Amino acid sequence: MLAHLSGTCVALQGHTDSITTAALSPDECLLATASYDKTVRLWALSPHSSNSGTCLKVLQHTDPVSHVAFSGSSASAAAASSGFPAGAQQPPPRLVTVCDGHALWLWDVDSGACVAALGEHKDRVTSVAFSQDGRWLASTSQDRSVLVWDAAVGQLVGLFVGDAAMVCCCFVPRGALQPLPRVPQLLNGRLQVRLQPQAPVQVQQLQQQSADGEGEGAATGRVGTPAPAEVGLWPCLGGMTLMAGDTTGRVHFISCW
């Protein structure tokens, strides 16, 4: 039997086309709604504020918006669990939006300014996720890649390319899993590069034997033309693990040490 719900229903009006998704900020004071009208609206939700239910900002896009997510940087417990240094400056609050195209947009929550347009994916973006401390952003795509970004500035710091479209991802807090094998064992000894998070991505020319053993091919790490084997470019994310699922039903646990 369904319970009877009582209370006041407040309709937030402003979008001119169908809503596609919504997300609540970690402090539950902001609601982000995305729409086919190519906008994301930020609404005040604080019950103790006179502007509760008011649209605070309208973020314009070039295409209908399919995904939206807030960073979790305001959660101190999450920051501690992911290894964020005690007393260190917390990362700024961020919002990520995804259009029906290939691009992600990174926004500053406080000002509503666009921090960066993240256009490295070569096919439709399927999911996005922030790390628990708000420092890192991961995105998956039908181009078979998982990209990791510095959420403060929108800089690409790592990628993983599999052999099937990637459909979901999330960061696993430190201590939530037993230690995973080092990357060579995890990927069957296939290619891997370790990156520093504050440095631009520099993909080395790594050689691998072809499947039939004849000749060699250079794996450049370009997302648009991934090598047949899985290629991992690993950022140093403080010992967290990134989980990504693909269309074959496999779940990849990617160690970010």
Protein backbone atom coordinates (compact mmCIF):
# COMPACT_ATOMS: atom_id res chain seq x y z
CA MET A 1 0.00 0.00 0.00
CA LEU A 2 1.33 3.42 -0.91
CA ALA A 3 1.75 5.88 1.92
CA HIS A 4 -0.15 9.14 1.65
CA LEU A 5 2.21 12.05 1.06
CA SER A 6 1.26 15.36 2.57
CA GLY A 7 2.88 18.75 2.18
CA THR A 8 3.24 21.55 -0.30
CA CYS A 9 4.27 20.98 -3.90
CA VAL A 10 6.34 23.81 -5.36
CA ALA A 11 6.70 23.93 -9.14
CA LEU A 12 9.95 25.42 -10.43
CA GLN A 13 9.19 27.00 -13.76
CA GLY A 14 11.65 28.32 -16.29
CA HIS A 15 12.69 25.58 -18.70
CA THR A 16 11.05 25.70 -22.13
CA ASP A 17 11.50 22.04 -23.05
CA SER A 18 11.60 18.62 -21.40
CA ILE A 19 13.79 18.09 -18.32
CA THR A 20 16.45 15.45 -18.87
CA THR A 21 18.09 15.09 -15.44
CA ALA A 22 18.66 16.82 -12.10
CA ALA A 23 21.24 16.83 -9.31
CA LEU A 24 21.36 18.08 -5.73
CA SER A 25 24.42 19.83 -4.33
CA PRO A 26 26.22 18.15 -1.39
CA ASP A 27 24.92 20.74 1.06
CA GLU A 28 21.37 20.32 -0.34
CA CYS A 29 21.07 24.08 -0.92
CA LEU A 30 21.19 24.00 -4.71
CA LEU A 31 19.30 22.01 -7.33
CA ALA A 32 20.61 21.76 -10.89
CA THR A 33 18.15 20.83 -13.63
CA ALA A 34 19.09 20.09 -17.24
CA SER A 35 16.86 20.29 -20.27
CA TYR A 36 16.47 19.82 -23.99
CA ASP A 37 16.21 23.62 -24.14
CA LYS A 38 20.04 23.68 -23.99
CA THR A 39 20.22 25.15 -20.51
CA VAL A 40 21.02 24.10 -16.95
CA ARG A 41 19.27 26.05 -14.21
CA LEU A 42 20.50 26.39 -10.65
CA TRP A 43 17.75 26.77 -8.05
CA ALA A 44 17.97 27.87 -4.41
CA LEU A 45 16.54 25.26 -2.04
CA SER A 46 17.39 26.52 1.43
CA PRO A 47 14.19 26.41 3.53
CA HIS A 48 15.49 29.26 5.69
CA SER A 49 16.06 31.65 2.78
CA SER A 50 13.52 34.03 1.29
CA ASN A 51 14.72 33.15 -2.23
CA SER A 52 14.13 29.40 -1.86
CA GLY A 53 12.76 28.09 -5.16
CA THR A 54 14.31 30.98 -7.08
CA CYS A 55 16.37 30.36 -10.20
CA LEU A 56 19.80 31.76 -9.35
CA LYS A 57 21.68 31.07 -12.57
CA VAL A 58 21.01 29.87 -16.12
CA LEU A 59 23.93 28.09 -17.79
CA GLN A 60 23.68 28.26 -21.57
CA HIS A 61 24.83 25.38 -23.78
CA THR A 62 25.09 24.70 -27.51
CA ASP A 63 23.16 21.41 -27.42
CA PRO A 64 20.56 19.67 -25.22
CA VAL A 65 22.06 18.70 -21.86
CA SER A 66 21.99 15.03 -20.85
CA HIS A 67 24.01 14.82 -17.60
CA VAL A 68 24.75 17.09 -14.65
CA ALA A 69 26.68 16.49 -11.41
CA PHE A 70 28.02 18.50 -8.47
CA SER A 71 31.45 17.95 -7.00
CA GLY A 72 31.55 16.72 -3.42
CA SER A 73 34.28 19.08 -2.24
CA SER A 74 32.21 20.41 0.66
CA ALA A 75 32.08 17.03 2.38
CA SER A 76 35.04 16.97 4.79
CA ALA A 77 34.55 13.32 5.68
CA ALA A 78 34.75 12.34 2.02
CA ALA A 79 37.87 14.43 1.59
CA ALA A 80 39.50 12.68 4.53
CA SER A 81 38.57 9.23 3.24
CA SER A 82 40.17 9.93 -0.13
CA GLY A 83 43.48 11.05 1.30
CA PHE A 84 43.10 14.82 1.04
CA PRO A 85 45.82 16.36 3.21
CA ALA A 86 44.61 17.61 6.59
CA GLY A 87 44.42 21.40 6.66
CA ALA A 88 44.92 21.73 2.92
CA GLN A 89 42.79 24.15 0.94
CA GLN A 90 39.62 22.49 -0.26
CA PRO A 91 39.00 22.45 -4.03
CA PRO A 92 36.44 24.95 -5.34
CA PRO A 93 32.88 23.66 -5.83
CA ARG A 94 32.31 22.55 -9.40
CA LEU A 95 29.42 21.50 -11.59
CA VAL A 96 29.88 19.36 -14.69
CA THR A 97 27.36 19.25 -17.52
CA VAL A 98 27.28 17.01 -20.58
CA CYS A 99 25.69 17.87 -23.90
CA ASP A 100 24.28 15.42 -26.41
CA GLY A 101 27.48 15.97 -28.35
CA HIS A 102 30.95 14.92 -27.22
CA ALA A 103 31.76 17.81 -24.88
CA LEU A 104 31.68 18.26 -21.13
CA TRP A 105 31.42 21.69 -19.54
CA LEU A 106 32.99 22.49 -16.18
CA TRP A 107 31.40 25.33 -14.19
CA ASP A 108 32.25 27.28 -11.05
CA VAL A 109 29.23 26.86 -8.78
CA ASP A 110 29.67 30.14 -6.91
CA SER A 111 30.03 32.46 -9.90
CA GLY A 112 28.30 30.46 -12.62
CA ALA A 113 31.32 30.99 -14.88
CA CYS A 114 32.44 28.31 -17.32
CA VAL A 115 35.85 27.07 -16.18
CA ALA A 116 36.61 24.88 -19.19
CA ALA A 117 35.08 23.03 -22.13
CA LEU A 118 36.36 19.45 -22.04
CA GLY A 119 36.24 18.21 -25.62
CA GLU A 120 38.60 15.23 -25.73
CA HIS A 121 35.97 12.49 -26.19
CA LYS A 122 35.29 11.46 -29.80
CA ASP A 123 31.82 9.95 -29.27
CA ARG A 124 28.84 10.42 -26.96
CA VAL A 125 29.65 10.86 -23.27
CA THR A 126 27.80 8.24 -21.20
CA SER A 127 28.57 9.14 -17.56
CA VAL A 128 30.48 11.49 -15.28
CA ALA A 129 31.59 11.22 -11.65
CA PHE A 130 33.58 13.35 -9.20
CA SER A 131 35.94 11.87 -6.64
CA GLN A 132 34.76 12.11 -3.05
CA ASP A 133 37.09 15.03 -2.28
CA GLY A 134 36.04 16.98 -5.38
CA ARG A 135 39.57 17.10 -6.82
CA TRP A 136 39.05 14.76 -9.77
CA LEU A 137 36.43 14.25 -12.45
CA ALA A 138 36.02 11.07 -14.50
CA SER A 139 34.03 10.70 -17.71
CA THR A 140 33.17 7.69 -19.86
CA SER A 141 32.21 7.53 -23.51
CA GLN A 142 31.14 5.31 -26.35
CA ASP A 143 34.60 5.92 -27.80
CA ARG A 144 35.78 3.24 -25.29
CA SER A 145 37.67 5.67 -23.10
CA VAL A 146 37.63 6.76 -19.47
CA LEU A 147 39.16 10.20 -18.98
CA VAL A 148 40.27 11.71 -15.67
CA TRP A 149 40.40 15.48 -15.24
CA ASP A 150 41.70 17.91 -12.64
CA ALA A 151 38.35 19.31 -11.53
CA ALA A 152 39.75 22.68 -10.45
CA VAL A 153 41.01 23.71 -13.88
CA GLY A 154 39.65 21.11 -16.32
CA GLN A 155 43.07 19.71 -17.24
CA LEU A 156 43.24 16.17 -18.59
CA VAL A 157 45.48 14.07 -16.32
CA GLY A 158 44.83 10.46 -17.35
CA LEU A 159 42.98 8.08 -19.60
CA PHE A 160 42.03 4.42 -19.90
CA VAL A 161 41.01 2.88 -23.23
CA GLY A 162 39.29 -0.51 -23.34
CA ASP A 163 37.91 -2.57 -26.21
CA ALA A 164 34.21 -1.75 -25.69
CA ALA A 165 32.10 1.33 -25.09
CA MET A 166 32.30 2.58 -21.49
CA VAL A 167 28.92 3.30 -19.90
CA CYS A 168 29.44 4.14 -16.20
CA CYS A 169 32.09 5.12 -13.69
CA CYS A 170 32.62 6.02 -10.04
CA PHE A 171 35.51 6.59 -7.66
CA VAL A 172 35.94 4.05 -4.86
CA PRO A 173 37.13 5.59 -1.56
CA ARG A 174 40.42 4.48 -0.07
CA GLY A 175 40.06 1.41 2.11
CA ALA A 176 36.80 0.29 0.51
CA LEU A 177 38.53 -2.47 -1.47
CA GLN A 178 41.33 -4.91 -0.82
CA PRO A 179 44.55 -3.81 -2.53
CA LEU A 180 44.35 -4.41 -6.26
CA PRO A 181 47.23 -5.82 -8.31
CA ARG A 182 49.67 -3.38 -9.78
CA VAL A 183 48.69 -2.13 -13.21
CA PRO A 184 50.78 -4.61 -15.27
CA GLN A 185 49.01 -7.54 -13.58
CA LEU A 186 45.63 -5.80 -13.73
CA LEU A 187 45.92 -5.27 -17.49
CA ASN A 188 47.72 -8.49 -18.34
CA GLY A 189 51.01 -6.71 -18.75
CA ARG A 190 49.67 -4.31 -21.35
CA LEU A 191 50.71 -0.71 -21.72
CA GLN A 192 50.74 1.75 -18.85
CA VAL A 193 52.15 5.19 -18.13
CA ARG A 194 52.21 7.01 -14.82
CA LEU A 195 51.44 10.72 -14.90
CA GLN A 196 51.82 13.54 -12.41
CA PRO A 197 48.43 15.25 -11.84
CA GLN A 198 49.74 18.81 -12.21
CA ALA A 199 51.56 18.22 -15.49
CA PRO A 200 49.99 18.24 -18.95
CA VAL A 201 49.35 14.83 -20.45
CA GLN A 202 52.40 13.71 -22.39
CA VAL A 203 51.85 10.35 -24.04
CA GLN A 204 54.99 8.39 -24.68
CA GLN A 205 55.44 6.36 -27.85
CA LEU A 206 55.07 2.83 -26.50
CA GLN A 207 55.57 -0.17 -28.76
CA GLN A 208 53.56 -3.38 -28.61
CA GLN A 209 53.63 -6.58 -30.62
CA SER A 210 50.72 -7.11 -33.01
CA ALA A 211 48.28 -9.95 -32.33
CA ASP A 212 49.93 -12.33 -34.84
CA GLY A 213 53.43 -11.45 -33.66
CA GLU A 214 54.42 -9.78 -36.92
CA GLY A 215 55.42 -6.15 -36.77
CA GLU A 216 54.93 -3.52 -34.12
CA GLY A 217 52.43 -0.72 -33.62
CA ALA A 218 52.82 2.50 -31.70
CA ALA A 219 50.14 3.16 -29.12
CA THR A 220 49.85 6.93 -28.99
CA GLY A 221 46.97 7.04 -26.53
CA ARG A 222 44.81 9.23 -28.79
CA VAL A 223 41.20 8.72 -27.79
CA GLY A 224 39.91 8.82 -31.36
CA THR A 225 42.13 5.96 -32.55
CA PRO A 226 42.77 3.66 -29.58
CA ALA A 227 45.04 0.65 -29.91
CA PRO A 228 43.39 -2.81 -29.91
CA ALA A 229 44.90 -3.59 -26.52
CA GLU A 230 43.81 -1.76 -23.40
CA VAL A 231 45.92 1.34 -22.84
CA GLY A 232 46.18 2.92 -19.42
CA LEU A 233 47.54 6.38 -18.64
CA TRP A 234 47.46 6.68 -14.91
CA PRO A 235 47.28 9.88 -12.87
CA CYS A 236 48.51 9.96 -9.29
CA LEU A 237 45.24 10.36 -7.40
CA GLY A 238 46.32 9.55 -3.90
CA GLY A 239 45.66 5.81 -3.84
CA MET A 240 42.04 5.83 -5.02
CA THR A 241 40.47 3.32 -7.37
CA LEU A 242 38.30 4.21 -10.34
CA MET A 243 35.58 1.78 -11.38
CA ALA A 244 34.29 1.73 -14.96
CA GLY A 245 31.78 -0.59 -16.63
CA ASP A 246 31.53 -1.36 -20.33
CA THR A 247 28.90 -2.70 -22.73
CA THR A 248 30.22 -6.26 -22.54
CA GLY A 249 29.32 -6.50 -18.86
CA ARG A 250 32.87 -6.17 -17.58
CA VAL A 251 33.80 -3.94 -14.64
CA HIS A 252 37.29 -2.42 -14.70
CA PHE A 253 38.95 -1.48 -11.39
CA ILE A 254 41.63 1.03 -12.29
CA SER A 255 44.28 1.66 -9.65
CA CYS A 256 45.26 5.34 -9.37
CA TRP A 257 48.26 5.26 -7.05
